[in-house]
């Protein structure tokens, strides 16, 4: 699969959050824009309006932290994960489910 940096070329934005359910951990969120990656986009003022009303998730259980990150990405993208989002043309969304 192409990297987030590759997918973001041409002015696109790619957000990547990974929940490692088997470890109960979340990897730091990743953002790529126009071919350049940034693991610290939460410190970017451009996006701060999207989470300023949310609680700090530094002490939340991992599942709640993951949900909060999904909310933030949905606000930034203007679209939340739903059936239509997953079936939209031109979107790459991977959400593997493991038992």
C-alpha atoms as a PDB file:
ATOM      1  CA  UNK A   1       0.000   0.000   0.000  1.00  0.00           C
ATOM      2  CA  UNK A   2       1.345   3.484  -0.775  1.00  0.00           C
ATOM      3  CA  UNK A   3       2.523   5.593   2.133  1.00  0.00           C
ATOM      4  CA  UNK A   4       0.481   8.499   3.513  1.00  0.00           C
ATOM      5  CA  UNK A   5       3.057  10.868   2.026  1.00  0.00           C
ATOM      6  CA  UNK A   6       2.590   9.312  -1.425  1.00  0.00           C
ATOM      7  CA  UNK A   7      -1.209   9.402  -1.167  1.00  0.00           C
ATOM      8  CA  UNK A   8      -1.125  13.075  -0.158  1.00  0.00           C
ATOM      9  CA  UNK A   9       0.795  14.301  -3.200  1.00  0.00           C
ATOM     10  CA  UNK A  10      -0.995  16.856  -5.331  1.00  0.00           C
ATOM     11  CA  UNK A  11      -2.293  18.909  -2.415  1.00  0.00           C
ATOM     12  CA  UNK A  12      -4.251  16.121  -0.710  1.00  0.00           C
ATOM     13  CA  UNK A  13      -4.401  15.507   3.032  1.00  0.00           C
ATOM     14  CA  UNK A  14      -4.108  12.089   4.639  1.00  0.00           C
ATOM     15  CA  UNK A  15      -4.841  11.427   8.302  1.00  0.00           C
ATOM     16  CA  UNK A  16      -3.863   8.148   9.848  1.00  0.00           C
ATOM     17  CA  UNK A  17      -4.782   6.867  13.271  1.00  0.00           C
ATOM     18  CA  UNK A  18      -4.069   3.329  14.324  1.00  0.00           C
ATOM     19  CA  UNK A  19      -5.592   1.512  17.278  1.00  0.00           C
ATOM     20  CA  UNK A  20      -3.665  -1.622  18.193  1.00  0.00           C
ATOM     21  CA  UNK A  21      -6.506  -3.467  19.866  1.00  0.00           C
ATOM     22  CA  UNK A  22      -4.445  -6.499  20.801  1.00  0.00           C
ATOM     23  CA  UNK A  23      -2.036  -4.232  22.711  1.00  0.00           C
ATOM     24  CA  UNK A  24      -4.708  -1.788  23.869  1.00  0.00           C
ATOM     25  CA  UNK A  25      -2.633   1.107  22.530  1.00  0.00           C
ATOM     26  CA  UNK A  26      -3.008   3.895  20.006  1.00  0.00           C
ATOM     27  CA  UNK A  27      -0.138   4.950  17.803  1.00  0.00           C
ATOM     28  CA  UNK A  28       0.442   8.711  17.613  1.00  0.00           C
ATOM     29  CA  UNK A  29      -1.802  10.264  14.929  1.00  0.00           C
ATOM     30  CA  UNK A  30      -0.136  10.968  11.601  1.00  0.00           C
ATOM     31  CA  UNK A  31      -0.955  13.640   9.016  1.00  0.00           C
ATOM     32  CA  UNK A  32       0.492  14.075   5.544  1.00  0.00           C
ATOM     33  CA  UNK A  33      -0.147  17.003   3.224  1.00  0.00           C
ATOM     34  CA  UNK A  34       1.164  17.356  -0.304  1.00  0.00           C
ATOM     35  CA  UNK A  35       3.843  14.697   0.160  1.00  0.00           C
ATOM     36  CA  UNK A  36       5.139  15.786   3.564  1.00  0.00           C
ATOM     37  CA  UNK A  37       4.411  13.921   6.801  1.00  0.00           C
ATOM     38  CA  UNK A  38       3.788  15.372  10.252  1.00  0.00           C
ATOM     39  CA  UNK A  39       3.244  13.304  13.390  1.00  0.00           C
ATOM     40  CA  UNK A  40       2.463  16.358  15.517  1.00  0.00           C
ATOM     41  CA  UNK A  41      -0.445  17.967  13.646  1.00  0.00           C
ATOM     42  CA  UNK A  42      -2.366  18.297  16.925  1.00  0.00           C
ATOM     43  CA  UNK A  43      -0.048  21.195  17.756  1.00  0.00           C
ATOM     44  CA  UNK A  44      -0.927  22.925  14.454  1.00  0.00           C
ATOM     45  CA  UNK A  45      -3.070  26.043  14.971  1.00  0.00           C
ATOM     46  CA  UNK A  46      -4.840  25.367  11.661  1.00  0.00           C
ATOM     47  CA  UNK A  47      -6.671  22.419  13.218  1.00  0.00           C
ATOM     48  CA  UNK A  48      -6.969  23.476  16.870  1.00  0.00           C
ATOM     49  CA  UNK A  49     -10.547  24.734  16.453  1.00  0.00           C
ATOM     50  CA  UNK A  50     -11.612  21.123  15.833  1.00  0.00           C
ATOM     51  CA  UNK A  51     -10.704  19.905  19.313  1.00  0.00           C
ATOM     52  CA  UNK A  52     -10.739  22.931  21.574  1.00  0.00           C
ATOM     53  CA  UNK A  53     -14.115  21.914  23.102  1.00  0.00           C
ATOM     54  CA  UNK A  54     -13.044  18.308  23.760  1.00  0.00           C
ATOM     55  CA  UNK A  55     -11.477  16.947  26.919  1.00  0.00           C
ATOM     56  CA  UNK A  56      -7.788  16.177  26.927  1.00  0.00           C
ATOM     57  CA  UNK A  57      -7.490  12.515  26.134  1.00  0.00           C
ATOM     58  CA  UNK A  58      -4.038  12.015  27.626  1.00  0.00           C
ATOM     59  CA  UNK A  59      -5.519  10.119  30.571  1.00  0.00           C
ATOM     60  CA  UNK A  60      -8.437   8.459  28.779  1.00  0.00           C
ATOM     61  CA  UNK A  61      -8.674   4.723  28.220  1.00  0.00           C
ATOM     62  CA  UNK A  62      -7.352   3.855  24.735  1.00  0.00           C
ATOM     63  CA  UNK A  63     -10.788   3.112  23.253  1.00  0.00           C
ATOM     64  CA  UNK A  64     -12.099   6.548  24.299  1.00  0.00           C
ATOM     65  CA  UNK A  65      -8.917   8.201  23.007  1.00  0.00           C
ATOM     66  CA  UNK A  66      -9.412   6.443  19.656  1.00  0.00           C
ATOM     67  CA  UNK A  67     -13.050   7.591  19.478  1.00  0.00           C
ATOM     68  CA  UNK A  68     -12.015  11.161  20.237  1.00  0.00           C
ATOM     69  CA  UNK A  69      -9.374  11.092  17.498  1.00  0.00           C
ATOM     70  CA  UNK A  70     -12.013   9.819  15.054  1.00  0.00           C
ATOM     71  CA  UNK A  71     -14.246  12.743  16.046  1.00  0.00           C
ATOM     72  CA  UNK A  72     -11.408  15.199  15.422  1.00  0.00           C
ATOM     73  CA  UNK A  73     -10.598  13.697  12.012  1.00  0.00           C
ATOM     74  CA  UNK A  74     -14.316  13.765  11.123  1.00  0.00           C
ATOM     75  CA  UNK A  75     -14.525  17.434  12.033  1.00  0.00           C
ATOM     76  CA  UNK A  76     -11.432  18.283  10.008  1.00  0.00           C
ATOM     77  CA  UNK A  77     -12.608  16.272   7.004  1.00  0.00           C
ATOM     78  CA  UNK A  78     -16.184  17.511   7.316  1.00  0.00           C
ATOM     79  CA  UNK A  79     -17.312  13.908   7.215  1.00  0.00           C
ATOM     80  CA  UNK A  80     -17.642  11.202   9.840  1.00  0.00           C
ATOM     81  CA  UNK A  81     -17.273   7.468   9.410  1.00  0.00           C
ATOM     82  CA  UNK A  82     -20.550   6.004   8.228  1.00  0.00           C
ATOM     83  CA  UNK A  83     -21.767   3.597   5.556  1.00  0.00           C
ATOM     84  CA  UNK A  84     -21.697   6.319   2.861  1.00  0.00           C
ATOM     85  CA  UNK A  85     -18.130   7.303   3.767  1.00  0.00           C
ATOM     86  CA  UNK A  86     -16.864   3.753   3.339  1.00  0.00           C
ATOM     87  CA  UNK A  87     -18.654   3.321   0.000  1.00  0.00           C
ATOM     88  CA  UNK A  88     -17.580   6.683  -1.492  1.00  0.00           C
ATOM     89  CA  UNK A  89     -15.560   6.599  -4.689  1.00  0.00           C
ATOM     90  CA  UNK A  90     -12.024   7.902  -4.476  1.00  0.00           C
ATOM     91  CA  UNK A  91     -11.581   7.342  -0.753  1.00  0.00           C
ATOM     92  CA  UNK A  92      -9.123   4.964   0.765  1.00  0.00           C
ATOM     93  CA  UNK A  93     -10.269   3.788   4.120  1.00  0.00           C
ATOM     94  CA  UNK A  94      -8.890   0.807   5.941  1.00  0.00           C
ATOM     95  CA  UNK A  95     -10.429  -0.372   9.151  1.00  0.00           C
ATOM     96  CA  UNK A  96      -9.381  -3.990   9.654  1.00  0.00           C
ATOM     97  CA  UNK A  97     -11.362  -5.838  12.273  1.00  0.00           C
ATOM     98  CA  UNK A  98      -9.762  -8.635  14.229  1.00  0.00           C
ATOM     99  CA  UNK A  99     -11.167 -10.808  16.980  1.00  0.00           C
END
